[in-house]
Amino acid sequence: MKGKAQKLCHAIDDLFLSHPRKTLVVEPEVQELLPLAQLRREAGRKTAAIGASRQEESWQQLEAALRVR
């Protein structure tokens, strides 16, 4: 299990490092997880961009939602 965890760790690092290490991911389980991780990373980046561009509006919506509760 330690070997699989290490391979997954390297694969995840490759997603976040600006200059990823060149590693060959051959474990099918890891290969299946990478596209999902990439989608989640992209969704997070888009959400952050929207939040940054509409920060004030986001805070107002949050405050309004909290008042309703």
PDB file of N, CA and C in Angstrom:
ATOM      1  N   MET A   1       0.825  -1.198   0.000  1.00  0.00           N
ATOM      2  CA  MET A   1       0.000   0.000   0.000  1.00  0.00           C
ATOM      3  C   MET A   1       0.867   1.258   0.000  1.00  0.00           C
ATOM      4  N   LYS A   2       2.014   1.219   0.662  1.00  0.00           N
ATOM      5  CA  LYS A   2       2.872   2.395   0.736  1.00  0.00           C
ATOM      6  C   LYS A   2       3.331   2.837  -0.650  1.00  0.00           C
ATOM      7  N   GLY A   3       3.626   1.886  -1.523  1.00  0.00           N
ATOM      8  CA  GLY A   3       4.047   2.231  -2.874  1.00  0.00           C
ATOM      9  C   GLY A   3       2.955   2.940  -3.647  1.00  0.00           C
ATOM     10  N   LYS A   4       1.714   2.472  -3.518  1.00  0.00           N
ATOM     11  CA  LYS A   4       0.590   3.115  -4.208  1.00  0.00           C
ATOM     12  C   LYS A   4       0.366   4.518  -3.664  1.00  0.00           C
ATOM     13  N   ALA A   5       0.472   4.665  -2.352  1.00  0.00           N
ATOM     14  CA  ALA A   5       0.284   5.984  -1.741  1.00  0.00           C
ATOM     15  C   ALA A   5       1.360   6.955  -2.224  1.00  0.00           C
ATOM     16  N   GLN A   6       2.576   6.470  -2.333  1.00  0.00           N
ATOM     17  CA  GLN A   6       3.666   7.323  -2.807  1.00  0.00           C
ATOM     18  C   GLN A   6       3.439   7.753  -4.252  1.00  0.00           C
ATOM     19  N   LYS A   7       2.987   6.831  -5.091  1.00  0.00           N
ATOM     20  CA  LYS A   7       2.717   7.161  -6.491  1.00  0.00           C
ATOM     21  C   LYS A   7       1.587   8.183  -6.591  1.00  0.00           C
ATOM     22  N   LEU A   8       0.552   8.007  -5.777  1.00  0.00           N
ATOM     23  CA  LEU A   8      -0.559   8.949  -5.785  1.00  0.00           C
ATOM     24  C   LEU A   8      -0.082  10.320  -5.308  1.00  0.00           C
ATOM     25  N   CYS A   9       0.753  10.333  -4.293  1.00  0.00           N
ATOM     26  CA  CYS A   9       1.296  11.590  -3.783  1.00  0.00           C
ATOM     27  C   CYS A   9       2.071  12.318  -4.871  1.00  0.00           C
ATOM     28  N   HIS A  10       2.906  11.612  -5.592  1.00  0.00           N
ATOM     29  CA  HIS A  10       3.676  12.238  -6.672  1.00  0.00           C
ATOM     30  C   HIS A  10       2.747  12.742  -7.775  1.00  0.00           C
ATOM     31  N   ALA A  11       1.720  11.973  -8.096  1.00  0.00           N
ATOM     32  CA  ALA A  11       0.791  12.387  -9.146  1.00  0.00           C
ATOM     33  C   ALA A  11       0.047  13.653  -8.744  1.00  0.00           C
ATOM     34  N   ILE A  12      -0.369  13.732  -7.489  1.00  0.00           N
ATOM     35  CA  ILE A  12      -1.075  14.926  -7.002  1.00  0.00           C
ATOM     36  C   ILE A  12      -0.116  16.113  -6.979  1.00  0.00           C
ATOM     37  N   ASP A  13       1.119  15.884  -6.547  1.00  0.00           N
ATOM     38  CA  ASP A  13       2.110  16.967  -6.588  1.00  0.00           C
ATOM     39  C   ASP A  13       2.270  17.495  -8.002  1.00  0.00           C
ATOM     40  N   ASP A  14       2.268  16.603  -8.979  1.00  0.00           N
ATOM     41  CA  ASP A  14       2.417  17.013 -10.370  1.00  0.00           C
ATOM     42  C   ASP A  14       1.296  17.943 -10.806  1.00  0.00           C
ATOM     43  N   LEU A  15       0.119  17.781 -10.228  1.00  0.00           N
ATOM     44  CA  LEU A  15      -1.004  18.654 -10.572  1.00  0.00           C
ATOM     45  C   LEU A  15      -0.784  20.077 -10.069  1.00  0.00           C
ATOM     46  N   PHE A  16      -0.102  20.215  -8.943  1.00  0.00           N
ATOM     47  CA  PHE A  16       0.005  21.515  -8.298  1.00  0.00           C
ATOM     48  C   PHE A  16       1.336  22.218  -8.512  1.00  0.00           C
ATOM     49  N   LEU A  17       2.370  21.488  -8.856  1.00  0.00           N
ATOM     50  CA  LEU A  17       3.670  22.115  -9.063  1.00  0.00           C
ATOM     51  C   LEU A  17       3.716  22.796 -10.424  1.00  0.00           C
ATOM     52  N   SER A  18       4.347  23.945 -10.472  1.00  0.00           N
ATOM     53  CA  SER A  18       4.438  24.643 -11.752  1.00  0.00           C
ATOM     54  C   SER A  18       5.374  23.902 -12.710  1.00  0.00           C
ATOM     55  N   HIS A  19       6.345  23.205 -12.186  1.00  0.00           N
ATOM     56  CA  HIS A  19       7.255  22.401 -12.990  1.00  0.00           C
ATOM     57  C   HIS A  19       7.190  20.965 -12.479  1.00  0.00           C
ATOM     58  N   PRO A  20       6.181  20.215 -12.919  1.00  0.00           N
ATOM     59  CA  PRO A  20       5.995  18.871 -12.367  1.00  0.00           C
ATOM     60  C   PRO A  20       7.163  17.951 -12.686  1.00  0.00           C
ATOM     61  N   ARG A  21       7.379  17.037 -11.764  1.00  0.00           N
ATOM     62  CA  ARG A  21       8.377  15.993 -12.009  1.00  0.00           C
ATOM     63  C   ARG A  21       7.851  15.097 -13.109  1.00  0.00           C
ATOM     64  N   LYS A  22       8.749  14.550 -13.863  1.00  0.00           N
ATOM     65  CA  LYS A  22       8.358  13.616 -14.914  1.00  0.00           C
ATOM     66  C   LYS A  22       8.264  12.217 -14.304  1.00  0.00           C
ATOM     67  N   THR A  23       7.046  11.809 -13.987  1.00  0.00           N
ATOM     68  CA  THR A  23       6.839  10.481 -13.424  1.00  0.00           C
ATOM     69  C   THR A  23       5.851   9.743 -14.295  1.00  0.00           C
ATOM     70  N   LEU A  24       6.038   8.473 -14.390  1.00  0.00           N
ATOM     71  CA  LEU A  24       5.139   7.638 -15.167  1.00  0.00           C
ATOM     72  C   LEU A  24       4.138   7.000 -14.218  1.00  0.00           C
ATOM     73  N   VAL A  25       2.874   7.342 -14.384  1.00  0.00           N
ATOM     74  CA  VAL A  25       1.822   6.793 -13.543  1.00  0.00           C
ATOM     75  C   VAL A  25       1.239   5.596 -14.274  1.00  0.00           C
ATOM     76  N   VAL A  26       1.505   4.427 -13.735  1.00  0.00           N
ATOM     77  CA  VAL A  26       1.034   3.225 -14.401  1.00  0.00           C
ATOM     78  C   VAL A  26      -0.059   2.516 -13.618  1.00  0.00           C
ATOM     79  N   GLU A  27      -0.268   2.897 -12.372  1.00  0.00           N
ATOM     80  CA  GLU A  27      -1.314   2.269 -11.575  1.00  0.00           C
ATOM     81  C   GLU A  27      -2.679   2.677 -12.125  1.00  0.00           C
ATOM     82  N   PRO A  28      -3.518   1.724 -12.499  1.00  0.00           N
ATOM     83  CA  PRO A  28      -4.840   2.070 -13.037  1.00  0.00           C
ATOM     84  C   PRO A  28      -5.671   2.900 -12.075  1.00  0.00           C
ATOM     85  N   GLU A  29      -5.572   2.609 -10.779  1.00  0.00           N
ATOM     86  CA  GLU A  29      -6.357   3.360  -9.799  1.00  0.00           C
ATOM     87  C   GLU A  29      -5.948   4.829  -9.777  1.00  0.00           C
ATOM     88  N   VAL A  30      -4.657   5.076  -9.886  1.00  0.00           N
ATOM     89  CA  VAL A  30      -4.162   6.459  -9.888  1.00  0.00           C
ATOM     90  C   VAL A  30      -4.554   7.146 -11.191  1.00  0.00           C
ATOM     91  N   GLN A  31      -4.444   6.440 -12.298  1.00  0.00           N
ATOM     92  CA  GLN A  31      -4.825   7.017 -13.589  1.00  0.00           C
ATOM     93  C   GLN A  31      -6.298   7.398 -13.599  1.00  0.00           C
ATOM     94  N   GLU A  32      -7.129   6.619 -12.923  1.00  0.00           N
ATOM     95  CA  GLU A  32      -8.553   6.937 -12.858  1.00  0.00           C
ATOM     96  C   GLU A  32      -8.812   8.177 -12.009  1.00  0.00           C
ATOM     97  N   LEU A  33      -7.984   8.397 -10.994  1.00  0.00           N
ATOM     98  CA  LEU A  33      -8.190   9.532 -10.101  1.00  0.00           C
ATOM     99  C   LEU A  33      -7.692  10.853 -10.682  1.00  0.00           C
ATOM    100  N   LEU A  34      -6.695  10.805 -11.534  1.00  0.00           N
ATOM    101  CA  LEU A  34      -6.110  12.041 -12.051  1.00  0.00           C
ATOM    102  C   LEU A  34      -7.091  12.918 -12.828  1.00  0.00           C
ATOM    103  N   PRO A  35      -7.900  12.379 -13.745  1.00  0.00           N
ATOM    104  CA  PRO A  35      -8.851  13.269 -14.439  1.00  0.00           C
ATOM    105  C   PRO A  35      -9.828  13.937 -13.477  1.00  0.00           C
ATOM    106  N   LEU A  36     -10.270  13.216 -12.468  1.00  0.00           N
ATOM    107  CA  LEU A  36     -11.172  13.803 -11.482  1.00  0.00           C
ATOM    108  C   LEU A  36     -10.470  14.906 -10.702  1.00  0.00           C
ATOM    109  N   ALA A  37      -9.228  14.648 -10.316  1.00  0.00           N
ATOM    110  CA  ALA A  37      -8.462  15.663  -9.599  1.00  0.00           C
ATOM    111  C   ALA A  37      -8.265  16.909 -10.467  1.00  0.00           C
ATOM    112  N   GLN A  38      -8.007  16.710 -11.750  1.00  0.00           N
ATOM    113  CA  GLN A  38      -7.829  17.849 -12.652  1.00  0.00           C
ATOM    114  C   GLN A  38      -9.121  18.648 -12.795  1.00  0.00           C
ATOM    115  N   LEU A  39     -10.252  17.962 -12.877  1.00  0.00           N
ATOM    116  CA  LEU A  39     -11.541  18.657 -12.953  1.00  0.00           C
ATOM    117  C   LEU A  39     -11.814  19.447 -11.683  1.00  0.00           C
ATOM    118  N   ARG A  40     -11.527  18.844 -10.540  1.00  0.00           N
ATOM    119  CA  ARG A  40     -11.749  19.532  -9.273  1.00  0.00           C
ATOM    120  C   ARG A  40     -10.831  20.744  -9.141  1.00  0.00           C
ATOM    121  N   ARG A  41      -9.579  20.615  -9.594  1.00  0.00           N
ATOM    122  CA  ARG A  41      -8.653  21.739  -9.548  1.00  0.00           C
ATOM    123  C   ARG A  41      -9.166  22.879 -10.420  1.00  0.00           C
ATOM    124  N   GLU A  42      -9.605  22.556 -11.627  1.00  0.00           N
ATOM    125  CA  GLU A  42     -10.107  23.575 -12.549  1.00  0.00           C
ATOM    126  C   GLU A  42     -11.371  24.232 -11.984  1.00  0.00           C
ATOM    127  N   ALA A  43     -12.268  23.439 -11.419  1.00  0.00           N
ATOM    128  CA  ALA A  43     -13.482  24.000 -10.816  1.00  0.00           C
ATOM    129  C   ALA A  43     -13.126  24.927  -9.660  1.00  0.00           C
ATOM    130  N   GLY A  44     -12.156  24.540  -8.867  1.00  0.00           N
ATOM    131  CA  GLY A  44     -11.716  25.388  -7.760  1.00  0.00           C
ATOM    132  C   GLY A  44     -11.125  26.697  -8.242  1.00  0.00           C
ATOM    133  N   ARG A  45     -10.323  26.620  -9.289  1.00  0.00           N
ATOM    134  CA  ARG A  45      -9.733  27.849  -9.844  1.00  0.00           C
ATOM    135  C   ARG A  45     -10.807  28.776 -10.399  1.00  0.00           C
ATOM    136  N   LYS A  46     -11.780  28.212 -11.100  1.00  0.00           N
ATOM    137  CA  LYS A  46     -12.855  29.040 -11.658  1.00  0.00           C
ATOM    138  C   LYS A  46     -13.694  29.658 -10.553  1.00  0.00           C
ATOM    139  N   THR A  47     -13.978  28.879  -9.529  1.00  0.00           N
ATOM    140  CA  THR A  47     -14.743  29.396  -8.400  1.00  0.00           C
ATOM    141  C   THR A  47     -13.985  30.518  -7.709  1.00  0.00           C
ATOM    142  N   ALA A  48     -12.688  30.340  -7.532  1.00  0.00           N
ATOM    143  CA  ALA A  48     -11.868  31.379  -6.907  1.00  0.00           C
ATOM    144  C   ALA A  48     -11.848  32.645  -7.758  1.00  0.00           C
ATOM    145  N   ALA A  49     -11.776  32.491  -9.060  1.00  0.00           N
ATOM    146  CA  ALA A  49     -11.765  33.655  -9.947  1.00  0.00           C
ATOM    147  C   ALA A  49     -13.082  34.411  -9.868  1.00  0.00           C
ATOM    148  N   ILE A  50     -14.175  33.677  -9.849  1.00  0.00           N
ATOM    149  CA  ILE A  50     -15.490  34.316  -9.731  1.00  0.00           C
ATOM    150  C   ILE A  50     -15.596  35.017  -8.389  1.00  0.00           C
ATOM    151  N   GLY A  51     -15.151  34.338  -7.347  1.00  0.00           N
ATOM    152  CA  GLY A  51     -15.206  34.934  -6.012  1.00  0.00           C
ATOM    153  C   GLY A  51     -14.372  36.188  -5.913  1.00  0.00           C
ATOM    154  N   ALA A  52     -13.201  36.174  -6.512  1.00  0.00           N
ATOM    155  CA  ALA A  52     -12.332  37.342  -6.448  1.00  0.00           C
ATOM    156  C   ALA A  52     -12.927  38.509  -7.215  1.00  0.00           C
ATOM    157  N   SER A  53     -13.522  38.230  -8.355  1.00  0.00           N
ATOM    158  CA  SER A  53     -14.069  39.314  -9.166  1.00  0.00           C
ATOM    159  C   SER A  53     -15.387  39.852  -8.609  1.00  0.00           C
ATOM    160  N   ARG A  54     -16.034  39.056  -7.826  1.00  0.00           N
ATOM    161  CA  ARG A  54     -17.322  39.482  -7.267  1.00  0.00           C
ATOM    162  C   ARG A  54     -17.327  39.389  -5.755  1.00  0.00           C
ATOM    163  N   GLN A  55     -16.232  39.720  -5.144  1.00  0.00           N
ATOM    164  CA  GLN A  55     -16.084  39.548  -3.706  1.00  0.00           C
ATOM    165  C   GLN A  55     -17.161  40.288  -2.922  1.00  0.00           C
ATOM    166  N   GLU A  56     -17.369  41.538  -3.229  1.00  0.00           N
ATOM    167  CA  GLU A  56     -18.352  42.321  -2.492  1.00  0.00           C
ATOM    168  C   GLU A  56     -19.752  41.732  -2.642  1.00  0.00           C
ATOM    169  N   GLU A  57     -20.112  41.382  -3.856  1.00  0.00           N
ATOM    170  CA  GLU A  57     -21.427  40.782  -4.098  1.00  0.00           C
ATOM    171  C   GLU A  57     -21.571  39.473  -3.329  1.00  0.00           C
ATOM    172  N   SER A  58     -20.513  38.700  -3.284  1.00  0.00           N
ATOM    173  CA  SER A  58     -20.540  37.428  -2.568  1.00  0.00           C
ATOM    174  C   SER A  58     -20.787  37.647  -1.082  1.00  0.00           C
ATOM    175  N   TRP A  59     -20.103  38.657  -0.504  1.00  0.00           N
ATOM    176  CA  TRP A  59     -20.303  38.937   0.913  1.00  0.00           C
ATOM    177  C   TRP A  59     -21.740  39.397   1.190  1.00  0.00           C
ATOM    178  N   GLN A  60     -22.280  40.206   0.311  1.00  0.00           N
ATOM    179  CA  GLN A  60     -23.650  40.670   0.495  1.00  0.00           C
ATOM    180  C   GLN A  60     -24.637  39.511   0.441  1.00  0.00           C
ATOM    181  N   GLN A  61     -24.433  38.594  -0.488  1.00  0.00           N
ATOM    182  CA  GLN A  61     -25.308  37.430  -0.593  1.00  0.00           C
ATOM    183  C   GLN A  61     -25.197  36.551   0.645  1.00  0.00           C
ATOM    184  N   LEU A  62     -23.978  36.378   1.149  1.00  0.00           N
ATOM    185  CA  LEU A  62     -23.770  35.582   2.339  1.00  0.00           C
ATOM    186  C   LEU A  62     -24.451  36.219   3.545  1.00  0.00           C
ATOM    187  N   GLU A  63     -24.284  37.520   3.691  1.00  0.00           N
ATOM    188  CA  GLU A  63     -24.928  38.232   4.798  1.00  0.00           C
ATOM    189  C   GLU A  63     -26.449  38.112   4.720  1.00  0.00           C
ATOM    190  N   ALA A  64     -26.994  38.241   3.536  1.00  0.00           N
ATOM    191  CA  ALA A  64     -28.446  38.124   3.352  1.00  0.00           C
ATOM    192  C   ALA A  64     -28.917  36.711   3.699  1.00  0.00           C
ATOM    193  N   ALA A  65     -28.170  35.713   3.278  1.00  0.00           N
ATOM    194  CA  ALA A  65     -28.533  34.326   3.568  1.00  0.00           C
ATOM    195  C   ALA A  65     -28.479  34.063   5.067  1.00  0.00           C
ATOM    196  N   LEU A  66     -27.500  34.630   5.738  1.00  0.00           N
ATOM    197  CA  LEU A  66     -27.384  34.429   7.182  1.00  0.00           C
ATOM    198  C   LEU A  66     -28.503  35.140   7.939  1.00  0.00           C
ATOM    199  N   ARG A  67     -28.951  36.280   7.430  1.00  0.00           N
ATOM    200  CA  ARG A  67     -30.068  36.983   8.072  1.00  0.00           C
ATOM    201  C   ARG A  67     -31.358  36.183   7.975  1.00  0.00           C
ATOM    202  N   VAL A  68     -31.551  35.491   6.885  1.00  0.00           N
ATOM    203  CA  VAL A  68     -32.755  34.690   6.675  1.00  0.00           C
ATOM    204  C   VAL A  68     -32.826  33.554   7.693  1.00  0.00           C
ATOM    205  N   ARG A  69     -31.680  32.992   7.999  1.00  0.00           N
ATOM    206  CA  ARG A  69     -31.640  31.873   8.960  1.00  0.00           C
ATOM    207  C   ARG A  69     -31.906  32.388  10.332  1.00  0.00           C
TER     208      ARG A  69
END
